Protein backbone atom coordinates (compact mmCIF):
# COMPACT_ATOMS: atom_id res chain seq x y z
CA MET A 1 -4.37 20.62 -13.49
CA SER A 2 -1.65 20.57 -10.86
CA GLY A 3 -1.67 19.45 -7.26
CA ARG A 4 0.12 20.40 -4.10
CA ILE A 5 3.87 19.94 -4.37
CA ASP A 6 5.95 19.00 -1.35
CA SER A 7 9.50 17.91 -2.03
CA SER A 8 10.95 19.30 1.19
CA THR A 9 12.52 16.10 2.49
CA ALA A 10 15.59 14.34 1.12
CA GLY A 11 13.86 11.47 -0.66
CA LEU A 12 12.23 9.59 2.25
CA TYR A 13 8.47 10.11 2.56
CA ASN A 14 6.55 8.68 5.48
CA CYS A 15 2.75 8.67 5.23
CA ARG A 16 0.09 7.74 7.74
CA CYS A 17 -2.30 5.01 6.62
CA GLN A 18 -5.88 4.50 7.73
CA SER A 19 -8.37 1.97 6.50
CA ALA A 20 -11.97 1.92 7.63
CA GLY A 21 -14.20 -1.02 6.81
CA ALA A 22 -11.64 -3.38 5.27
CA GLN A 23 -13.19 -6.77 4.53
CA LEU A 24 -11.35 -10.00 5.26
CA ILE A 25 -12.49 -13.56 4.69
CA VAL A 26 -11.18 -16.21 7.08
CA ALA A 27 -12.45 -19.80 6.96
CA GLY A 28 -15.36 -18.74 4.74
CA LYS A 29 -16.58 -16.02 7.11
CA THR A 30 -16.39 -12.30 6.28
CA TYR A 31 -15.10 -9.86 8.89
CA THR A 32 -14.77 -6.08 8.87
CA ALA A 33 -11.81 -4.31 10.44
CA ASP A 34 -10.29 -0.85 10.76
CA PHE A 35 -6.54 -0.25 10.44
CA THR A 36 -4.01 2.47 11.26
CA GLY A 37 -0.30 2.59 10.51
CA ASN A 38 2.28 4.01 8.16
CA ILE A 39 4.12 3.45 4.90
CA ALA A 40 7.52 4.94 4.07
CA VAL A 41 8.96 5.20 0.55
CA LEU A 42 12.36 6.22 -0.74
CA LEU A 43 12.73 8.03 -4.04
CA ASP A 44 15.16 10.15 -6.00
CA PRO A 45 14.29 13.76 -5.06
CA ASN A 46 15.74 15.07 -8.35
CA GLN A 47 13.53 12.70 -10.34
CA LEU A 48 10.50 13.83 -8.31
CA LYS A 49 11.40 17.51 -8.80
CA ARG A 50 11.63 17.04 -12.58
CA PHE A 51 8.37 15.05 -12.63
CA LEU A 52 6.57 17.77 -10.64
CA ALA A 53 7.97 20.44 -12.98
CA GLY A 54 6.41 18.61 -15.94
CA ALA A 55 9.57 17.32 -17.63
CA LYS A 56 8.32 15.27 -20.60
CA ASP A 57 11.18 12.76 -20.27
CA VAL A 58 10.23 11.92 -16.65
CA THR A 59 6.79 10.34 -16.78
CA THR A 60 7.30 7.95 -13.85
CA VAL A 61 8.84 8.29 -10.40
CA SER A 62 10.05 5.04 -8.80
CA LEU A 63 9.07 4.58 -5.15
CA LEU A 64 10.89 2.00 -3.04
CA ILE A 65 8.91 0.89 0.01
CA GLN A 66 11.10 1.00 3.12
CA GLU A 67 8.49 0.30 5.78
CA HIS A 68 4.85 -0.72 5.89
CA VAL A 69 3.07 -1.40 9.18
CA MET A 70 -0.66 -1.44 9.91
CA HIS A 71 -2.55 -2.56 12.99
CA GLY A 72 -6.18 -3.51 12.72
CA ILE A 73 -9.06 -4.62 14.88
CA GLY A 74 -12.55 -5.86 14.15
CA ALA A 75 -15.50 -7.55 15.80
CA GLY A 76 -15.09 -11.32 15.82
CA ILE A 77 -11.68 -11.23 14.17
CA GLY A 78 -9.82 -9.37 16.92
CA LEU A 79 -6.37 -7.91 16.38
CA ILE A 80 -4.65 -8.02 12.99
CA GLU A 81 -1.09 -7.02 12.22
CA VAL A 82 0.15 -6.28 8.71
CA VAL A 83 3.87 -5.66 8.15
CA MET A 84 6.15 -5.45 5.15
CA ASP A 85 7.41 -8.93 4.25
CA PRO A 86 11.07 -8.99 5.37
CA GLU A 87 11.94 -11.80 2.91
CA ARG A 88 10.33 -10.66 -0.35
CA VAL A 89 11.04 -7.29 -1.92
CA PRO A 90 8.12 -6.18 -4.11
CA PRO A 91 8.57 -4.56 -7.51
CA GLN A 92 9.08 -0.80 -7.41
CA SER A 93 6.02 1.25 -6.68
CA THR A 94 5.31 4.12 -9.05
CA LEU A 95 3.86 7.56 -9.56
CA THR A 96 3.03 7.81 -13.28
CA ALA A 97 1.75 10.81 -15.21
CA ILE A 98 -1.41 10.13 -17.19
CA ARG A 99 -0.32 12.75 -19.76
CA PRO A 100 3.44 13.28 -20.28
CA GLY A 101 4.49 16.77 -19.22
CA THR A 102 1.53 17.13 -16.84
CA PRO A 103 2.30 15.66 -13.42
CA PHE A 104 -1.28 15.48 -12.15
CA PRO A 105 -3.59 13.72 -12.31
CA ALA A 106 -1.34 10.68 -12.05
CA ILE A 107 -1.68 6.97 -11.31
CA GLN A 108 0.03 5.99 -8.09
CA ASP A 109 0.61 2.32 -7.28
CA TYR A 110 2.01 0.90 -4.07
CA ASN A 111 3.23 -2.66 -4.78
CA ILE A 112 3.41 -4.50 -1.48
CA ASN A 113 4.39 -7.89 -0.12
CA ILE A 114 3.05 -8.32 3.39
CA ASN A 115 3.01 -10.63 6.37
CA VAL A 116 -0.26 -10.84 8.29
CA THR A 117 -1.12 -12.28 11.69
CA ILE A 118 -4.63 -12.81 13.08
CA PRO A 119 -3.94 -14.36 16.52
CA ASN A 120 -7.60 -14.85 17.56
CA LEU A 121 -8.53 -16.88 14.47
CA LEU A 122 -5.19 -18.32 13.29
CA PRO A 123 -2.96 -18.52 16.38
CA GLY A 124 0.76 -19.04 15.71
CA ILE A 125 0.40 -18.62 11.94
CA ILE A 126 2.17 -15.93 9.94
CA MET A 127 0.60 -15.45 6.55
CA ARG A 128 1.96 -13.77 3.45
CA ASN A 129 0.33 -12.62 0.25
CA LYS A 130 0.57 -15.10 -2.59
CA THR A 131 2.67 -13.73 -5.43
CA SER A 132 2.07 -16.40 -8.07
CA ASN A 133 -1.38 -15.10 -8.95
CA PRO A 134 -1.91 -12.22 -9.47
CA GLY A 135 1.50 -11.12 -8.07
CA PRO A 136 2.31 -8.58 -5.38
CA ALA A 137 -0.62 -6.78 -3.83
CA ILE A 138 -1.27 -3.37 -5.37
CA LEU A 139 -2.90 -0.39 -3.69
CA ARG A 140 -3.82 2.11 -6.43
CA ASN A 141 -5.00 5.69 -6.68
CA PRO A 142 -5.98 6.16 -10.35
CA LYS A 143 -6.27 9.95 -10.04
CA ALA A 144 -3.57 11.12 -7.63
CA MET A 145 -3.44 14.91 -7.36
CA ASN A 146 -0.56 15.24 -4.88
CA PHE A 147 2.73 13.83 -3.83
CA PRO A 148 3.15 13.02 -1.07
CA PRO A 149 -0.47 11.87 -0.70
CA ASN A 150 -2.76 14.16 1.26
CA ASN A 151 -5.85 12.24 2.37
CA ASP A 152 -5.85 10.32 -0.90
CA VAL A 153 -7.73 7.00 -1.07
CA TYR A 154 -6.12 3.87 -2.53
CA GLN A 155 -8.00 0.68 -3.37
CA LEU A 156 -6.80 -2.87 -3.96
CA VAL A 157 -6.43 -3.72 -7.64
CA SER A 158 -7.47 -7.27 -6.74
CA PRO A 159 -8.09 -9.16 -3.48
CA ILE A 160 -5.03 -10.31 -1.52
CA GLU A 161 -4.91 -14.08 -0.99
CA LEU A 162 -2.92 -15.05 2.10
CA GLU A 163 -1.03 -18.32 2.60
CA ASP A 164 0.89 -19.73 5.57
CA VAL A 165 4.56 -18.70 5.36
CA ASN A 166 5.55 -22.20 6.59
CA ASN A 167 3.03 -24.12 4.47
CA PRO A 168 2.55 -22.18 1.22
CA GLY A 169 -0.20 -23.02 -1.19
CA PRO A 170 -3.60 -23.18 0.50
CA VAL A 171 -5.37 -19.84 0.93
CA LEU A 172 -6.07 -19.31 4.65
CA ALA A 173 -7.52 -15.81 4.39
CA THR A 174 -8.29 -13.13 1.81
CA ILE A 175 -8.27 -9.36 2.14
CA GLN A 176 -11.26 -8.59 -0.09
CA THR A 177 -11.26 -4.80 0.23
CA TRP A 178 -8.79 -2.50 1.92
CA PRO A 179 -9.68 1.13 1.17
CA THR A 180 -6.62 2.97 2.49
CA THR A 181 -6.29 6.70 3.03
CA LEU A 182 -2.72 8.02 2.93
CA SER A 183 -1.75 11.37 4.41
CA PRO A 184 1.46 13.01 5.61
CA PRO A 185 2.46 12.30 9.21
CA SER A 186 1.25 14.78 11.77
CA SER A 187 3.95 17.00 13.21
């Protein structure tokens, strides 16, 4: 089965992100928030073209995150900002064929390191995802049918524990769920 193919740009793909009903835990209390934003990835367009054509020697396309910004809001928690961590580069993200020679369905992972601020609940604190356990945060679509994504839903592989950038160690907040829909930017 094959999906929609769009390799019209020169290797930089910018997708809109939306997340409805993300669950965050701060100080033992669960909050729900909605987010909007974007994620941009850089890739080798020739590698993508060969992958989409079903080349058996190209089973994975490397995706390098260039930008990741999401703004959220929720009752009781207020505003939340999530941005790509400027200090820690995550491992490459990937688009991987489930069956070599057949591009779709595929597994698409976005490996992210983020900084998060929640001014109403944690004023003056910038948090980052812990990378010691389990590692960078991963948003995954286990059955991607398109690249770039077109209203595809990605889920966290595991919750994201957040620590203070200036006082690492203790978990100050956790993103429990973050169902994220990725789609191409509107014209």
